[in-house]
């Protein structure tokens, strides 16, 4: 199958499942552009489209300076790599927060099982809200 700029665009659109896949698709598009006889014009058109596409995906990359996929591929790759690192960091933080919340719930369950403290005291000790403690207490009754 012959690789055309349009097939490259479809490759980028279908690579939305990860930023790494998107970078690979962009690399393929750059190779297609470089082999195109009208590569300057094709580069400008696809670069404009890619900037809009990345904005629609919610990518927080610095696109103002991106004028040519062929010339600025390394800059785009660096921005996408930074975006991947940021997303991984945010995922790690979210996981940590979820783990801390689960630990607080376990502490509250243990304190409820002891039967010595009020919901307000358990909330203070565990860091959960009064309502969360109330829900946990109801769960333990069943």
Protein backbone atom coordinates (compact mmCIF):
# COMPACT_ATOMS: atom_id res chain seq x y z
CA UNK A 1 0.00 0.00 0.00
CA UNK A 2 1.35 3.40 -0.99
CA UNK A 3 1.87 5.81 1.88
CA UNK A 4 0.26 9.17 1.20
CA UNK A 5 -0.05 12.29 3.34
CA UNK A 6 -3.70 11.39 3.88
CA UNK A 7 -2.81 7.90 5.11
CA UNK A 8 -0.34 9.57 7.46
CA UNK A 9 -3.08 11.82 8.81
CA UNK A 10 -5.30 8.79 9.40
CA UNK A 11 -2.41 7.15 11.21
CA UNK A 12 -2.11 10.13 13.53
CA UNK A 13 -5.85 10.18 14.18
CA UNK A 14 -5.86 6.48 15.02
CA UNK A 15 -2.84 6.77 17.31
CA UNK A 16 -4.75 8.66 19.99
CA UNK A 17 -4.51 5.83 22.53
CA UNK A 18 -1.07 6.92 23.71
CA UNK A 19 1.34 9.79 23.22
CA UNK A 20 4.11 7.35 22.29
CA UNK A 21 1.96 5.93 19.50
CA UNK A 22 1.17 9.47 18.40
CA UNK A 23 4.88 10.29 18.18
CA UNK A 24 5.47 7.18 16.08
CA UNK A 25 2.63 8.19 13.78
CA UNK A 26 4.08 11.70 13.48
CA UNK A 27 7.45 10.19 12.57
CA UNK A 28 5.74 8.20 9.81
CA UNK A 29 4.00 11.35 8.56
CA UNK A 30 7.32 13.19 8.45
CA UNK A 31 8.81 10.40 6.33
CA UNK A 32 5.79 10.58 4.01
CA UNK A 33 6.10 14.37 3.74
CA UNK A 34 9.79 14.16 2.97
CA UNK A 35 9.10 11.80 0.07
CA UNK A 36 6.28 13.97 -1.30
CA UNK A 37 7.20 16.10 -4.35
CA UNK A 38 5.23 19.02 -2.88
CA UNK A 39 6.73 18.53 0.54
CA UNK A 40 6.82 22.21 1.58
CA UNK A 41 3.13 22.73 0.92
CA UNK A 42 2.20 19.33 2.35
CA UNK A 43 4.30 20.03 5.44
CA UNK A 44 2.55 23.35 6.10
CA UNK A 45 -0.92 21.84 5.66
CA UNK A 46 -0.31 18.80 7.83
CA UNK A 47 1.49 20.86 10.47
CA UNK A 48 -1.53 23.17 10.78
CA UNK A 49 -3.83 20.17 10.97
CA UNK A 50 -1.67 18.45 13.60
CA UNK A 51 -1.63 21.55 15.79
CA UNK A 52 -5.43 21.64 15.73
CA UNK A 53 -5.62 17.90 16.31
CA UNK A 54 -3.35 18.06 19.36
CA UNK A 55 -5.40 20.92 20.77
CA UNK A 56 -8.59 18.86 20.32
CA UNK A 57 -6.90 16.00 22.18
CA UNK A 58 -6.19 18.39 25.04
CA UNK A 59 -2.43 18.22 24.67
CA UNK A 60 -0.74 20.89 26.69
CA UNK A 61 2.21 21.19 24.37
CA UNK A 62 3.76 24.43 23.19
CA UNK A 63 2.52 24.57 19.63
CA UNK A 64 3.10 28.25 18.88
CA UNK A 65 6.61 27.63 17.62
CA UNK A 66 5.67 24.55 15.58
CA UNK A 67 5.83 25.63 11.95
CA UNK A 68 7.07 22.53 10.19
CA UNK A 69 6.81 18.88 11.16
CA UNK A 70 9.89 18.12 9.15
CA UNK A 71 12.02 20.87 10.70
CA UNK A 72 10.49 20.87 14.19
CA UNK A 73 9.99 17.14 14.68
CA UNK A 74 12.50 17.02 17.53
CA UNK A 75 10.78 19.90 19.31
CA UNK A 76 7.42 18.16 18.96
CA UNK A 77 8.92 14.89 20.15
CA UNK A 78 10.33 16.61 23.23
CA UNK A 79 6.97 18.23 23.98
CA UNK A 80 5.15 14.92 23.61
CA UNK A 81 7.72 13.19 25.81
CA UNK A 82 7.25 15.85 28.49
CA UNK A 83 3.50 15.39 28.21
CA UNK A 84 3.89 11.63 28.72
CA UNK A 85 6.06 12.23 31.79
CA UNK A 86 3.51 14.69 33.18
CA UNK A 87 0.63 12.25 32.65
CA UNK A 88 2.58 9.45 34.32
CA UNK A 89 3.39 11.71 37.27
CA UNK A 90 -0.26 12.75 37.58
CA UNK A 91 -1.27 9.09 37.44
CA UNK A 92 1.22 8.25 40.15
CA UNK A 93 -0.13 11.04 42.34
CA UNK A 94 -3.70 9.90 41.78
CA UNK A 95 -2.70 6.35 42.70
CA UNK A 96 -0.97 7.54 45.83
CA UNK A 97 -4.01 9.58 46.87
CA UNK A 98 -6.28 6.60 46.27
CA UNK A 99 -3.99 4.40 48.36
CA UNK A 100 -3.94 6.93 51.18
CA UNK A 101 -7.73 7.11 51.12
CA UNK A 102 -8.00 3.32 51.23
CA UNK A 103 -5.64 3.27 54.21
CA UNK A 104 -7.73 5.92 55.97
CA UNK A 105 -10.84 3.83 55.36
CA UNK A 106 -9.13 0.77 56.81
CA UNK A 107 -8.07 2.72 59.89
CA UNK A 108 -11.65 3.93 60.30
CA UNK A 109 -12.99 0.38 59.94
CA UNK A 110 -10.59 -0.82 62.62
CA UNK A 111 -11.61 1.99 64.97
CA UNK A 112 -15.29 1.32 64.33
CA UNK A 113 -14.74 -2.36 65.11
CA UNK A 114 -13.15 -1.41 68.43
CA UNK A 115 -16.38 0.39 69.34
CA UNK A 116 -14.73 2.97 71.59
CA UNK A 117 -14.97 6.18 69.56
CA UNK A 118 -17.68 8.35 68.07
CA UNK A 119 -17.91 8.93 64.33
CA UNK A 120 -16.52 12.44 64.80
CA UNK A 121 -13.50 11.11 66.70
CA UNK A 122 -12.91 8.43 64.07
CA UNK A 123 -13.17 11.04 61.33
CA UNK A 124 -10.57 13.16 63.08
CA UNK A 125 -8.24 10.20 63.65
CA UNK A 126 -8.55 8.81 60.12
CA UNK A 127 -8.82 12.00 58.10
CA UNK A 128 -12.13 10.94 56.59
CA UNK A 129 -15.27 13.03 56.66
CA UNK A 130 -18.01 12.38 59.20
CA UNK A 131 -20.23 11.16 56.39
CA UNK A 132 -17.61 8.70 55.11
CA UNK A 133 -17.26 7.26 58.61
CA UNK A 134 -21.04 6.99 58.89
CA UNK A 135 -21.15 5.05 55.61
CA UNK A 136 -18.38 2.71 56.79
CA UNK A 137 -20.20 2.13 60.08
CA UNK A 138 -23.37 1.23 58.16
CA UNK A 139 -21.39 -1.17 55.96
CA UNK A 140 -20.03 -2.96 59.02
CA UNK A 141 -23.51 -3.42 60.44
CA UNK A 142 -24.49 -5.52 57.44
